[in-house]
């Protein structure tokens, strides 16, 4: 994070402190490309438990939309598909804590499938 930036200024909530509880997070998820096709929708609301991460969100979406959707999300080793970018707030989660990035109800999450460039002649 740059100087003067905090997780909260990037649209992510700080972790709860002793005694604090978080409400269930309701996120708006935008799906594009093949993910939109496989899900049958381009946008959906998702309820997540407190302190849910990007990984939790992706697992929920994979359960909801099936094996083909899951195969597009994850590499065989369980990491995020290298051609997929998850944007939380206005930041690529790879610039934060990757799949472990926490989410809250104030964040819009857009998943964008980036197609690799092909060389040609």
PDB file of N, CA and C in Angstrom:
ATOM      1  N   UNK A   1       0.831  -1.171   0.000  1.00  0.00           N
ATOM      2  CA  UNK A   1       0.000   0.000   0.000  1.00  0.00           C
ATOM      3  C   UNK A   1       0.872   1.229   0.000  1.00  0.00           C
ATOM      4  N   UNK A   2       0.420   2.252  -0.675  1.00  0.00           N
ATOM      5  CA  UNK A   2       1.178   3.480  -0.718  1.00  0.00           C
ATOM      6  C   UNK A   2       1.103   4.213   0.604  1.00  0.00           C
ATOM      7  N   UNK A   3       1.929   5.235   0.757  1.00  0.00           N
ATOM      8  CA  UNK A   3       1.927   5.975   2.009  1.00  0.00           C
ATOM      9  C   UNK A   3       0.580   6.657   2.187  1.00  0.00           C
ATOM     10  N   UNK A   4       0.082   6.618   3.405  1.00  0.00           N
ATOM     11  CA  UNK A   4      -1.190   7.248   3.707  1.00  0.00           C
ATOM     12  C   UNK A   4      -2.386   6.392   3.361  1.00  0.00           C
ATOM     13  N   UNK A   5      -2.163   5.209   2.762  1.00  0.00           N
ATOM     14  CA  UNK A   5      -3.277   4.351   2.421  1.00  0.00           C
ATOM     15  C   UNK A   5      -3.458   3.305   3.504  1.00  0.00           C
ATOM     16  N   UNK A   6      -4.699   2.970   3.753  1.00  0.00           N
ATOM     17  CA  UNK A   6      -5.008   1.903   4.686  1.00  0.00           C
ATOM     18  C   UNK A   6      -5.925   0.926   3.966  1.00  0.00           C
ATOM     19  N   UNK A   7      -6.113  -0.270   4.509  1.00  0.00           N
ATOM     20  CA  UNK A   7      -7.056  -1.183   3.877  1.00  0.00           C
ATOM     21  C   UNK A   7      -8.434  -0.556   3.746  1.00  0.00           C
ATOM     22  N   UNK A   8      -8.838   0.239   4.750  1.00  0.00           N
ATOM     23  CA  UNK A   8     -10.156   0.848   4.693  1.00  0.00           C
ATOM     24  C   UNK A   8     -10.259   1.857   3.545  1.00  0.00           C
ATOM     25  N   UNK A   9      -9.187   2.627   3.269  1.00  0.00           N
ATOM     26  CA  UNK A   9      -9.237   3.614   2.192  1.00  0.00           C
ATOM     27  C   UNK A   9      -9.302   2.945   0.834  1.00  0.00           C
ATOM     28  N   UNK A  10      -8.956   1.659   0.763  1.00  0.00           N
ATOM     29  CA  UNK A  10      -9.040   0.909  -0.488  1.00  0.00           C
ATOM     30  C   UNK A  10     -10.366   0.182  -0.603  1.00  0.00           C
ATOM     31  N   UNK A  11     -11.300   0.429   0.318  1.00  0.00           N
ATOM     32  CA  UNK A  11     -12.601  -0.207   0.242  1.00  0.00           C
ATOM     33  C   UNK A  11     -12.680  -1.506   1.019  1.00  0.00           C
ATOM     34  N   UNK A  12     -11.664  -1.823   1.798  1.00  0.00           N
ATOM     35  CA  UNK A  12     -11.666  -3.035   2.597  1.00  0.00           C
ATOM     36  C   UNK A  12     -11.707  -2.634   4.061  1.00  0.00           C
ATOM     37  N   UNK A  13     -12.469  -3.375   4.849  1.00  0.00           N
ATOM     38  CA  UNK A  13     -12.593  -3.048   6.260  1.00  0.00           C
ATOM     39  C   UNK A  13     -11.438  -3.612   7.049  1.00  0.00           C
ATOM     40  N   UNK A  14     -11.043  -2.910   8.092  1.00  0.00           N
ATOM     41  CA  UNK A  14     -10.035  -3.471   8.972  1.00  0.00           C
ATOM     42  C   UNK A  14     -10.610  -4.663   9.718  1.00  0.00           C
ATOM     43  N   UNK A  15      -9.746  -5.531  10.221  1.00  0.00           N
ATOM     44  CA  UNK A  15     -10.193  -6.683  10.995  1.00  0.00           C
ATOM     45  C   UNK A  15     -10.881  -6.188  12.255  1.00  0.00           C
ATOM     46  N   UNK A  16     -11.878  -6.932  12.744  1.00  0.00           N
ATOM     47  CA  UNK A  16     -12.547  -6.513  13.967  1.00  0.00           C
ATOM     48  C   UNK A  16     -11.587  -6.571  15.153  1.00  0.00           C
ATOM     49  N   UNK A  17     -11.777  -5.663  16.090  1.00  0.00           N
ATOM     50  CA  UNK A  17     -10.961  -5.654  17.299  1.00  0.00           C
ATOM     51  C   UNK A  17     -11.705  -6.390  18.405  1.00  0.00           C
ATOM     52  N   UNK A  18     -11.031  -6.649  19.498  1.00  0.00           N
ATOM     53  CA  UNK A  18     -11.611  -7.405  20.596  1.00  0.00           C
ATOM     54  C   UNK A  18     -13.038  -7.005  20.913  1.00  0.00           C
ATOM     55  N   UNK A  19     -13.959  -7.972  20.914  1.00  0.00           N
ATOM     56  CA  UNK A  19     -15.340  -7.709  21.258  1.00  0.00           C
ATOM     57  C   UNK A  19     -16.204  -7.250  20.098  1.00  0.00           C
ATOM     58  N   UNK A  20     -15.595  -6.791  18.995  1.00  0.00           N
ATOM     59  CA  UNK A  20     -16.395  -6.346  17.852  1.00  0.00           C
ATOM     60  C   UNK A  20     -16.863  -7.548  17.053  1.00  0.00           C
ATOM     61  N   UNK A  21     -18.034  -7.409  16.457  1.00  0.00           N
ATOM     62  CA  UNK A  21     -18.517  -8.447  15.555  1.00  0.00           C
ATOM     63  C   UNK A  21     -18.894  -7.791  14.243  1.00  0.00           C
ATOM     64  N   UNK A  22     -18.810  -8.558  13.193  1.00  0.00           N
ATOM     65  CA  UNK A  22     -19.193  -8.062  11.880  1.00  0.00           C
ATOM     66  C   UNK A  22     -20.497  -8.706  11.461  1.00  0.00           C
ATOM     67  N   UNK A  23     -21.331  -7.945  10.770  1.00  0.00           N
ATOM     68  CA  UNK A  23     -22.544  -8.504  10.206  1.00  0.00           C
ATOM     69  C   UNK A  23     -22.173  -9.316   8.978  1.00  0.00           C
ATOM     70  N   UNK A  24     -23.126 -10.149   8.541  1.00  0.00           N
ATOM     71  CA  UNK A  24     -22.906 -10.891   7.311  1.00  0.00           C
ATOM     72  C   UNK A  24     -22.673  -9.901   6.182  1.00  0.00           C
ATOM     73  N   UNK A  25     -21.717 -10.199   5.329  1.00  0.00           N
ATOM     74  CA  UNK A  25     -21.371  -9.306   4.223  1.00  0.00           C
ATOM     75  C   UNK A  25     -22.220  -9.641   2.999  1.00  0.00           C
ATOM     76  N   UNK A  26     -22.866  -8.637   2.431  1.00  0.00           N
ATOM     77  CA  UNK A  26     -23.603  -8.812   1.191  1.00  0.00           C
ATOM     78  C   UNK A  26     -22.813  -8.090   0.106  1.00  0.00           C
ATOM     79  N   UNK A  27     -22.293  -8.853  -0.838  1.00  0.00           N
ATOM     80  CA  UNK A  27     -21.451  -8.300  -1.887  1.00  0.00           C
ATOM     81  C   UNK A  27     -22.131  -8.395  -3.232  1.00  0.00           C
ATOM     82  N   UNK A  28     -21.853  -7.442  -4.079  1.00  0.00           N
ATOM     83  CA  UNK A  28     -22.302  -7.494  -5.471  1.00  0.00           C
ATOM     84  C   UNK A  28     -21.126  -8.008  -6.289  1.00  0.00           C
ATOM     85  N   UNK A  29     -21.344  -9.114  -6.974  1.00  0.00           N
ATOM     86  CA  UNK A  29     -20.301  -9.746  -7.775  1.00  0.00           C
ATOM     87  C   UNK A  29     -20.665  -9.577  -9.245  1.00  0.00           C
ATOM     88  N   UNK A  30     -19.709  -9.087 -10.032  1.00  0.00           N
ATOM     89  CA  UNK A  30     -19.886  -8.935 -11.468  1.00  0.00           C
ATOM     90  C   UNK A  30     -19.050  -9.994 -12.168  1.00  0.00           C
ATOM     91  N   UNK A  31     -19.692 -10.746 -13.037  1.00  0.00           N
ATOM     92  CA  UNK A  31     -19.024 -11.803 -13.799  1.00  0.00           C
ATOM     93  C   UNK A  31     -19.013 -11.423 -15.270  1.00  0.00           C
ATOM     94  N   UNK A  32     -17.880 -11.618 -15.923  1.00  0.00           N
ATOM     95  CA  UNK A  32     -17.788 -11.318 -17.348  1.00  0.00           C
ATOM     96  C   UNK A  32     -17.179 -12.504 -18.079  1.00  0.00           C
ATOM     97  N   UNK A  33     -17.250 -12.442 -19.395  1.00  0.00           N
ATOM     98  CA  UNK A  33     -16.642 -13.473 -20.228  1.00  0.00           C
ATOM     99  C   UNK A  33     -17.244 -14.835 -19.985  1.00  0.00           C
ATOM    100  N   UNK A  34     -16.391 -15.852 -19.967  1.00  0.00           N
ATOM    101  CA  UNK A  34     -16.833 -17.224 -19.809  1.00  0.00           C
ATOM    102  C   UNK A  34     -17.521 -17.442 -18.465  1.00  0.00           C
ATOM    103  N   UNK A  35     -17.111 -16.713 -17.418  1.00  0.00           N
ATOM    104  CA  UNK A  35     -17.753 -16.862 -16.115  1.00  0.00           C
ATOM    105  C   UNK A  35     -19.212 -16.439 -16.164  1.00  0.00           C
ATOM    106  N   UNK A  36     -19.488 -15.367 -16.889  1.00  0.00           N
ATOM    107  CA  UNK A  36     -20.879 -14.917 -17.060  1.00  0.00           C
ATOM    108  C   UNK A  36     -21.686 -15.991 -17.782  1.00  0.00           C
ATOM    109  N   UNK A  37     -21.132 -16.547 -18.815  1.00  0.00           N
ATOM    110  CA  UNK A  37     -21.811 -17.594 -19.586  1.00  0.00           C
ATOM    111  C   UNK A  37     -22.090 -18.818 -18.707  1.00  0.00           C
ATOM    112  N   UNK A  38     -21.083 -19.271 -17.959  1.00  0.00           N
ATOM    113  CA  UNK A  38     -21.248 -20.467 -17.138  1.00  0.00           C
ATOM    114  C   UNK A  38     -22.223 -20.260 -15.982  1.00  0.00           C
ATOM    115  N   UNK A  39     -22.251 -19.050 -15.434  1.00  0.00           N
ATOM    116  CA  UNK A  39     -23.157 -18.751 -14.325  1.00  0.00           C
ATOM    117  C   UNK A  39     -24.567 -18.439 -14.795  1.00  0.00           C
ATOM    118  N   UNK A  40     -24.702 -18.058 -16.056  1.00  0.00           N
ATOM    119  CA  UNK A  40     -26.021 -17.688 -16.573  1.00  0.00           C
ATOM    120  C   UNK A  40     -26.474 -16.317 -16.117  1.00  0.00           C
ATOM    121  N   UNK A  41     -25.545 -15.525 -15.572  1.00  0.00           N
ATOM    122  CA  UNK A  41     -25.861 -14.175 -15.124  1.00  0.00           C
ATOM    123  C   UNK A  41     -24.582 -13.346 -15.110  1.00  0.00           C
ATOM    124  N   UNK A  42     -24.723 -12.040 -15.262  1.00  0.00           N
ATOM    125  CA  UNK A  42     -23.564 -11.168 -15.227  1.00  0.00           C
ATOM    126  C   UNK A  42     -23.360 -10.494 -13.890  1.00  0.00           C
ATOM    127  N   UNK A  43     -24.373 -10.592 -13.024  1.00  0.00           N
ATOM    128  CA  UNK A  43     -24.257  -9.927 -11.737  1.00  0.00           C
ATOM    129  C   UNK A  43     -25.119 -10.655 -10.726  1.00  0.00           C
ATOM    130  N   UNK A  44     -24.603 -10.792  -9.520  1.00  0.00           N
ATOM    131  CA  UNK A  44     -25.393 -11.418  -8.466  1.00  0.00           C
ATOM    132  C   UNK A  44     -24.963 -10.893  -7.112  1.00  0.00           C
ATOM    133  N   UNK A  45     -25.884 -10.954  -6.158  1.00  0.00           N
ATOM    134  CA  UNK A  45     -25.586 -10.603  -4.778  1.00  0.00           C
ATOM    135  C   UNK A  45     -25.218 -11.877  -4.046  1.00  0.00           C
ATOM    136  N   UNK A  46     -24.207 -11.774  -3.191  1.00  0.00           N
ATOM    137  CA  UNK A  46     -23.712 -12.928  -2.448  1.00  0.00           C
ATOM    138  C   UNK A  46     -23.623 -12.534  -0.979  1.00  0.00           C
ATOM    139  N   UNK A  47     -24.175 -13.379  -0.107  1.00  0.00           N
ATOM    140  CA  UNK A  47     -24.055 -13.191   1.330  1.00  0.00           C
ATOM    141  C   UNK A  47     -22.907 -14.043   1.842  1.00  0.00           C
ATOM    142  N   UNK A  48     -21.998 -13.422   2.574  1.00  0.00           N
ATOM    143  CA  UNK A  48     -20.846 -14.127   3.132  1.00  0.00           C
ATOM    144  C   UNK A  48     -20.807 -13.941   4.642  1.00  0.00           C
ATOM    145  N   UNK A  49     -20.268 -14.914   5.354  1.00  0.00           N
ATOM    146  CA  UNK A  49     -20.130 -14.761   6.803  1.00  0.00           C
ATOM    147  C   UNK A  49     -19.093 -13.691   7.140  1.00  0.00           C
ATOM    148  N   UNK A  50     -19.108 -13.208   8.389  1.00  0.00           N
ATOM    149  CA  UNK A  50     -18.112 -12.208   8.799  1.00  0.00           C
ATOM    150  C   UNK A  50     -16.697 -12.718   8.559  1.00  0.00           C
ATOM    151  N   UNK A  51     -15.814 -11.801   8.224  1.00  0.00           N
ATOM    152  CA  UNK A  51     -14.387 -12.081   8.010  1.00  0.00           C
ATOM    153  C   UNK A  51     -14.133 -13.027   6.843  1.00  0.00           C
ATOM    154  N   UNK A  52     -15.059 -13.086   5.890  1.00  0.00           N
ATOM    155  CA  UNK A  52     -14.865 -13.934   4.707  1.00  0.00           C
ATOM    156  C   UNK A  52     -13.765 -13.354   3.828  1.00  0.00           C
ATOM    157  N   UNK A  53     -13.094 -14.253   3.112  1.00  0.00           N
ATOM    158  CA  UNK A  53     -12.005 -13.859   2.220  1.00  0.00           C
ATOM    159  C   UNK A  53     -12.429 -14.032   0.761  1.00  0.00           C
ATOM    160  N   UNK A  54     -11.567 -13.577  -0.136  1.00  0.00           N
ATOM    161  CA  UNK A  54     -11.789 -13.799  -1.563  1.00  0.00           C
ATOM    162  C   UNK A  54     -11.905 -15.298  -1.836  1.00  0.00           C
ATOM    163  N   UNK A  55     -11.066 -16.095  -1.202  1.00  0.00           N
ATOM    164  CA  UNK A  55     -11.118 -17.555  -1.379  1.00  0.00           C
ATOM    165  C   UNK A  55     -12.508 -18.099  -0.997  1.00  0.00           C
ATOM    166  N   UNK A  56     -13.068 -17.608   0.123  1.00  0.00           N
ATOM    167  CA  UNK A  56     -14.404 -18.034   0.552  1.00  0.00           C
ATOM    168  C   UNK A  56     -15.452 -17.682  -0.500  1.00  0.00           C
ATOM    169  N   UNK A  57     -15.348 -16.471  -1.038  1.00  0.00           N
ATOM    170  CA  UNK A  57     -16.275 -16.048  -2.075  1.00  0.00           C
ATOM    171  C   UNK A  57     -16.180 -16.952  -3.300  1.00  0.00           C
ATOM    172  N   UNK A  58     -14.970 -17.218  -3.759  1.00  0.00           N
ATOM    173  CA  UNK A  58     -14.794 -18.037  -4.961  1.00  0.00           C
ATOM    174  C   UNK A  58     -15.278 -19.466  -4.732  1.00  0.00           C
ATOM    175  N   UNK A  59     -15.052 -20.006  -3.549  1.00  0.00           N
ATOM    176  CA  UNK A  59     -15.549 -21.359  -3.247  1.00  0.00           C
ATOM    177  C   UNK A  59     -17.069 -21.394  -3.262  1.00  0.00           C
ATOM    178  N   UNK A  60     -17.693 -20.374  -2.683  1.00  0.00           N
ATOM    179  CA  UNK A  60     -19.152 -20.300  -2.694  1.00  0.00           C
ATOM    180  C   UNK A  60     -19.673 -20.239  -4.131  1.00  0.00           C
ATOM    181  N   UNK A  61     -19.069 -19.393  -4.952  1.00  0.00           N
ATOM    182  CA  UNK A  61     -19.501 -19.280  -6.347  1.00  0.00           C
ATOM    183  C   UNK A  61     -19.288 -20.592  -7.108  1.00  0.00           C
ATOM    184  N   UNK A  62     -18.195 -21.277  -6.827  1.00  0.00           N
ATOM    185  CA  UNK A  62     -17.922 -22.557  -7.483  1.00  0.00           C
ATOM    186  C   UNK A  62     -18.991 -23.581  -7.104  1.00  0.00           C
ATOM    187  N   UNK A  63     -19.363 -23.638  -5.824  1.00  0.00           N
ATOM    188  CA  UNK A  63     -20.433 -24.565  -5.402  1.00  0.00           C
ATOM    189  C   UNK A  63     -21.744 -24.205  -6.072  1.00  0.00           C
ATOM    190  N   UNK A  64     -22.019 -22.921  -6.181  1.00  0.00           N
ATOM    191  CA  UNK A  64     -23.277 -22.450  -6.751  1.00  0.00           C
ATOM    192  C   UNK A  64     -23.373 -22.735  -8.253  1.00  0.00           C
ATOM    193  N   UNK A  65     -22.258 -22.593  -8.970  1.00  0.00           N
ATOM    194  CA  UNK A  65     -22.316 -22.637 -10.434  1.00  0.00           C
ATOM    195  C   UNK A  65     -21.698 -23.869 -11.078  1.00  0.00           C
ATOM    196  N   UNK A  66     -21.150 -24.787 -10.311  1.00  0.00           N
ATOM    197  CA  UNK A  66     -20.737 -26.071 -10.850  1.00  0.00           C
ATOM    198  C   UNK A  66     -19.262 -26.221 -11.203  1.00  0.00           C
ATOM    199  N   UNK A  67     -18.949 -27.433 -11.634  1.00  0.00           N
ATOM    200  CA  UNK A  67     -17.558 -27.831 -11.873  1.00  0.00           C
ATOM    201  C   UNK A  67     -16.889 -27.027 -12.988  1.00  0.00           C
ATOM    202  N   UNK A  68     -17.592 -26.766 -14.087  1.00  0.00           N
ATOM    203  CA  UNK A  68     -16.981 -26.008 -15.188  1.00  0.00           C
ATOM    204  C   UNK A  68     -16.608 -24.604 -14.715  1.00  0.00           C
ATOM    205  N   UNK A  69     -17.447 -24.002 -13.895  1.00  0.00           N
ATOM    206  CA  UNK A  69     -17.174 -22.678 -13.343  1.00  0.00           C
ATOM    207  C   UNK A  69     -15.941 -22.745 -12.440  1.00  0.00           C
ATOM    208  N   UNK A  70     -15.903 -23.753 -11.578  1.00  0.00           N
ATOM    209  CA  UNK A  70     -14.763 -23.934 -10.679  1.00  0.00           C
ATOM    210  C   UNK A  70     -13.465 -24.127 -11.464  1.00  0.00           C
ATOM    211  N   UNK A  71     -13.538 -24.890 -12.544  1.00  0.00           N
ATOM    212  CA  UNK A  71     -12.353 -25.133 -13.369  1.00  0.00           C
ATOM    213  C   UNK A  71     -11.820 -23.842 -13.993  1.00  0.00           C
ATOM    214  N   UNK A  72     -12.702 -22.887 -14.270  1.00  0.00           N
ATOM    215  CA  UNK A  72     -12.265 -21.590 -14.800  1.00  0.00           C
ATOM    216  C   UNK A  72     -11.648 -20.719 -13.712  1.00  0.00           C
ATOM    217  N   UNK A  73     -12.098 -20.891 -12.464  1.00  0.00           N
ATOM    218  CA  UNK A  73     -11.594 -20.075 -11.356  1.00  0.00           C
ATOM    219  C   UNK A  73     -10.207 -20.480 -10.892  1.00  0.00           C
ATOM    220  N   UNK A  74      -9.971 -21.789 -10.797  1.00  0.00           N
ATOM    221  CA  UNK A  74      -8.779 -22.277 -10.120  1.00  0.00           C
ATOM    222  C   UNK A  74      -7.873 -23.097 -11.024  1.00  0.00           C
ATOM    223  N   UNK A  75      -6.576 -22.984 -10.764  1.00  0.00           N
ATOM    224  CA  UNK A  75      -5.566 -23.852 -11.368  1.00  0.00           C
ATOM    225  C   UNK A  75      -5.688 -25.224 -10.697  1.00  0.00           C
ATOM    226  N   UNK A  76      -5.135 -26.283 -11.293  1.00  0.00           N
ATOM    227  CA  UNK A  76      -5.212 -27.615 -10.671  1.00  0.00           C
ATOM    228  C   UNK A  76      -4.703 -27.661  -9.227  1.00  0.00           C
ATOM    229  N   UNK A  77      -3.740 -26.836  -8.860  1.00  0.00           N
ATOM    230  CA  UNK A  77      -3.214 -26.815  -7.500  1.00  0.00           C
ATOM    231  C   UNK A  77      -4.054 -26.018  -6.517  1.00  0.00           C
ATOM    232  N   UNK A  78      -5.157 -25.433  -6.970  1.00  0.00           N
ATOM    233  CA  UNK A  78      -6.036 -24.686  -6.081  1.00  0.00           C
ATOM    234  C   UNK A  78      -5.800 -23.190  -6.056  1.00  0.00           C
ATOM    235  N   UNK A  79      -4.784 -22.713  -6.772  1.00  0.00           N
ATOM    236  CA  UNK A  79      -4.532 -21.272  -6.837  1.00  0.00           C
ATOM    237  C   UNK A  79      -5.463 -20.637  -7.876  1.00  0.00           C
ATOM    238  N   UNK A  80      -5.595 -19.331  -7.789  1.00  0.00           N
ATOM    239  CA  UNK A  80      -6.425 -18.585  -8.725  1.00  0.00           C
ATOM    240  C   UNK A  80      -5.899 -18.738 -10.147  1.00  0.00           C
ATOM    241  N   UNK A  81      -6.787 -18.967 -11.095  1.00  0.00           N
ATOM    242  CA  UNK A  81      -6.426 -19.042 -12.508  1.00  0.00           C
ATOM    243  C   UNK A  81      -5.602 -17.803 -12.865  1.00  0.00           C
ATOM    244  N   UNK A  82      -4.438 -18.004 -13.444  1.00  0.00           N
ATOM    245  CA  UNK A  82      -3.541 -16.871 -13.724  1.00  0.00           C
ATOM    246  C   UNK A  82      -4.119 -15.908 -14.759  1.00  0.00           C
ATOM    247  N   UNK A  83      -5.149 -16.315 -15.493  1.00  0.00           N
ATOM    248  CA  UNK A  83      -5.786 -15.434 -16.475  1.00  0.00           C
ATOM    249  C   UNK A  83      -6.999 -14.709 -15.902  1.00  0.00           C
ATOM    250  N   UNK A  84      -7.224 -14.838 -14.617  1.00  0.00           N
ATOM    251  CA  UNK A  84      -8.377 -14.236 -13.956  1.00  0.00           C
ATOM    252  C   UNK A  84      -7.893 -13.153 -13.001  1.00  0.00           C
ATOM    253  N   UNK A  85      -8.577 -12.062 -12.989  1.00  0.00           N
ATOM    254  CA  UNK A  85      -8.271 -10.994 -12.043  1.00  0.00           C
ATOM    255  C   UNK A  85      -9.498 -10.770 -11.179  1.00  0.00           C
ATOM    256  N   UNK A  86      -9.312 -10.673  -9.872  1.00  0.00           N
ATOM    257  CA  UNK A  86     -10.388 -10.351  -8.946  1.00  0.00           C
ATOM    258  C   UNK A  86     -10.108  -8.955  -8.422  1.00  0.00           C
ATOM    259  N   UNK A  87     -11.053  -8.059  -8.642  1.00  0.00           N
ATOM    260  CA  UNK A  87     -10.921  -6.671  -8.217  1.00  0.00           C
ATOM    261  C   UNK A  87     -11.848  -6.450  -7.031  1.00  0.00           C
ATOM    262  N   UNK A  88     -11.293  -6.056  -5.889  1.00  0.00           N
ATOM    263  CA  UNK A  88     -12.075  -5.732  -4.697  1.00  0.00           C
ATOM    264  C   UNK A  88     -11.943  -4.242  -4.460  1.00  0.00           C
ATOM    265  N   UNK A  89     -13.064  -3.549  -4.427  1.00  0.00           N
ATOM    266  CA  UNK A  89     -12.999  -2.097  -4.417  1.00  0.00           C
ATOM    267  C   UNK A  89     -12.457  -1.689  -5.777  1.00  0.00           C
ATOM    268  N   UNK A  90     -11.328  -1.040  -5.806  1.00  0.00           N
ATOM    269  CA  UNK A  90     -10.678  -0.673  -7.069  1.00  0.00           C
ATOM    270  C   UNK A  90      -9.295  -1.290  -7.196  1.00  0.00           C
ATOM    271  N   UNK A  91      -9.039  -2.365  -6.440  1.00  0.00           N
ATOM    272  CA  UNK A  91      -7.704  -2.924  -6.372  1.00  0.00           C
ATOM    273  C   UNK A  91      -7.699  -4.408  -6.717  1.00  0.00           C
ATOM    274  N   UNK A  92      -6.761  -4.813  -7.550  1.00  0.00           N
ATOM    275  CA  UNK A  92      -6.548  -6.225  -7.842  1.00  0.00           C
ATOM    276  C   UNK A  92      -6.112  -6.886  -6.546  1.00  0.00           C
ATOM    277  N   UNK A  93      -6.797  -7.954  -6.129  1.00  0.00           N
ATOM    278  CA  UNK A  93      -6.475  -8.586  -4.853  1.00  0.00           C
ATOM    279  C   UNK A  93      -5.059  -9.148  -4.826  1.00  0.00           C
ATOM    280  N   UNK A  94      -4.445  -9.361  -5.972  1.00  0.00           N
ATOM    281  CA  UNK A  94      -3.053  -9.819  -5.995  1.00  0.00           C
ATOM    282  C   UNK A  94      -2.114  -8.757  -5.425  1.00  0.00           C
ATOM    283  N   UNK A  95      -2.544  -7.492  -5.422  1.00  0.00           N
ATOM    284  CA  UNK A  95      -1.756  -6.417  -4.820  1.00  0.00           C
ATOM    285  C   UNK A  95      -2.004  -6.322  -3.319  1.00  0.00           C
ATOM    286  N   UNK A  96      -2.970  -7.084  -2.821  1.00  0.00           N
ATOM    287  CA  UNK A  96      -3.295  -7.100  -1.395  1.00  0.00           C
ATOM    288  C   UNK A  96      -2.824  -8.438  -0.827  1.00  0.00           C
ATOM    289  N   UNK A  97      -3.755  -9.243  -0.347  1.00  0.00           N
ATOM    290  CA  UNK A  97      -3.402 -10.547   0.229  1.00  0.00           C
ATOM    291  C   UNK A  97      -3.864 -11.703  -0.646  1.00  0.00           C
ATOM    292  N   UNK A  98      -4.022 -11.457  -1.949  1.00  0.00           N
ATOM    293  CA  UNK A  98      -4.434 -12.519  -2.863  1.00  0.00           C
ATOM    294  C   UNK A  98      -5.754 -13.139  -2.444  1.00  0.00           C
ATOM    295  N   UNK A  99      -5.835 -14.471  -2.485  1.00  0.00           N
ATOM    296  CA  UNK A  99      -7.069 -15.163  -2.131  1.00  0.00           C
ATOM    297  C   UNK A  99      -7.436 -14.987  -0.665  1.00  0.00           C
ATOM    298  N   UNK A 100      -6.491 -14.581   0.158  1.00  0.00           N
ATOM    299  CA  UNK A 100      -6.755 -14.374   1.584  1.00  0.00           C
ATOM    300  C   UNK A 100      -7.216 -12.953   1.908  1.00  0.00           C
ATOM    301  N   UNK A 101      -7.405 -12.108   0.896  1.00  0.00           N
ATOM    302  CA  UNK A 101      -7.881 -10.744   1.101  1.00  0.00           C
ATOM    303  C   UNK A 101      -9.267 -10.773   1.742  1.00  0.00           C
ATOM    304  N   UNK A 102      -9.460 -10.075   2.867  1.00  0.00           N
ATOM    305  CA  UNK A 102     -10.779 -10.041   3.509  1.00  0.00           C
ATOM    306  C   UNK A 102     -11.755  -9.169   2.731  1.00  0.00           C
ATOM    307  N   UNK A 103     -13.020  -9.531   2.809  1.00  0.00           N
ATOM    308  CA  UNK A 103     -14.072  -8.781   2.125  1.00  0.00           C
ATOM    309  C   UNK A 103     -15.075  -8.286   3.161  1.00  0.00           C
ATOM    310  N   UNK A 104     -15.786  -7.223   2.846  1.00  0.00           N
ATOM    311  CA  UNK A 104     -16.871  -6.773   3.717  1.00  0.00           C
ATOM    312  C   UNK A 104     -18.029  -6.282   2.868  1.00  0.00           C
ATOM    313  N   UNK A 105     -19.111  -5.900   3.525  1.00  0.00           N
ATOM    314  CA  UNK A 105     -20.343  -5.547   2.808  1.00  0.00           C
ATOM    315  C   UNK A 105     -20.215  -4.283   1.965  1.00  0.00           C
ATOM    316  N   UNK A 106     -19.178  -3.482   2.168  1.00  0.00           N
ATOM    317  CA  UNK A 106     -19.022  -2.235   1.422  1.00  0.00           C
ATOM    318  C   UNK A 106     -18.269  -2.419   0.115  1.00  0.00           C
ATOM    319  N   UNK A 107     -17.814  -3.626  -0.173  1.00  0.00           N
ATOM    320  CA  UNK A 107     -16.961  -3.862  -1.330  1.00  0.00           C
ATOM    321  C   UNK A 107     -17.765  -4.451  -2.482  1.00  0.00           C
ATOM    322  N   UNK A 108     -17.590  -3.913  -3.663  1.00  0.00           N
ATOM    323  CA  UNK A 108     -18.093  -4.553  -4.874  1.00  0.00           C
ATOM    324  C   UNK A 108     -16.949  -5.361  -5.446  1.00  0.00           C
ATOM    325  N   UNK A 109     -17.198  -6.600  -5.771  1.00  0.00           N
ATOM    326  CA  UNK A 109     -16.164  -7.479  -6.289  1.00  0.00           C
ATOM    327  C   UNK A 109     -16.486  -7.774  -7.745  1.00  0.00           C
ATOM    328  N   UNK A 110     -15.562  -7.441  -8.622  1.00  0.00           N
ATOM    329  CA  UNK A 110     -15.741  -7.726 -10.039  1.00  0.00           C
ATOM    330  C   UNK A 110     -14.698  -8.750 -10.454  1.00  0.00           C
ATOM    331  N   UNK A 111     -15.161  -9.843 -11.040  1.00  0.00           N
ATOM    332  CA  UNK A 111     -14.226 -10.844 -11.545  1.00  0.00           C
ATOM    333  C   UNK A 111     -14.140 -10.667 -13.048  1.00  0.00           C
ATOM    334  N   UNK A 112     -12.968 -10.486 -13.540  1.00  0.00           N
ATOM    335  CA  UNK A 112     -12.755 -10.213 -14.948  1.00  0.00           C
ATOM    336  C   UNK A 112     -11.823 -11.275 -15.513  1.00  0.00           C
ATOM    337  N   UNK A 113     -12.269 -11.995 -16.505  1.00  0.00           N
ATOM    338  CA  UNK A 113     -11.424 -12.985 -17.163  1.00  0.00           C
ATOM    339  C   UNK A 113     -10.599 -12.255 -18.209  1.00  0.00           C
ATOM    340  N   UNK A 114      -9.280 -12.328 -18.100  1.00  0.00           N
ATOM    341  CA  UNK A 114      -8.393 -11.682 -19.062  1.00  0.00           C
ATOM    342  C   UNK A 114      -7.868 -12.756 -20.002  1.00  0.00           C
ATOM    343  N   UNK A 115      -8.140 -12.611 -21.267  1.00  0.00           N
ATOM    344  CA  UNK A 115      -7.743 -13.588 -22.276  1.00  0.00           C
ATOM    345  C   UNK A 115      -6.283 -13.344 -22.630  1.00  0.00           C
ATOM    346  N   UNK A 116      -5.456 -14.391 -22.561  1.00  0.00           N
ATOM    347  CA  UNK A 116      -4.056 -14.203 -22.931  1.00  0.00           C
ATOM    348  C   UNK A 116      -3.920 -13.814 -24.404  1.00  0.00           C
ATOM    349  N   UNK A 117      -2.930 -13.012 -24.697  1.00  0.00           N
ATOM    350  CA  UNK A 117      -2.690 -12.624 -26.087  1.00  0.00           C
ATOM    351  C   UNK A 117      -2.091 -13.793 -26.845  1.00  0.00           C
ATOM    352  N   UNK A 118      -2.485 -13.874 -28.094  1.00  0.00           N
ATOM    353  CA  UNK A 118      -1.946 -14.925 -28.966  1.00  0.00           C
ATOM    354  C   UNK A 118      -1.100 -14.266 -30.033  1.00  0.00           C
ATOM    355  N   UNK A 119       0.053 -14.846 -30.280  1.00  0.00           N
ATOM    356  CA  UNK A 119       0.912 -14.349 -31.358  1.00  0.00           C
ATOM    357  C   UNK A 119       0.412 -14.881 -32.688  1.00  0.00           C
ATOM    358  N   UNK A 120       0.667 -14.172 -33.710  1.00  0.00           N
ATOM    359  CA  UNK A 120       0.232 -14.631 -35.041  1.00  0.00           C
ATOM    360  C   UNK A 120       1.167 -14.107 -36.102  1.00  0.00           C
ATOM    361  N   UNK A 121       0.990 -14.645 -37.241  1.00  0.00           N
ATOM    362  CA  UNK A 121       1.902 -14.193 -38.270  1.00  0.00           C
ATOM    363  C   UNK A 121       1.246 -13.998 -39.578  1.00  0.00           C
TER     364      UNK A 121
END
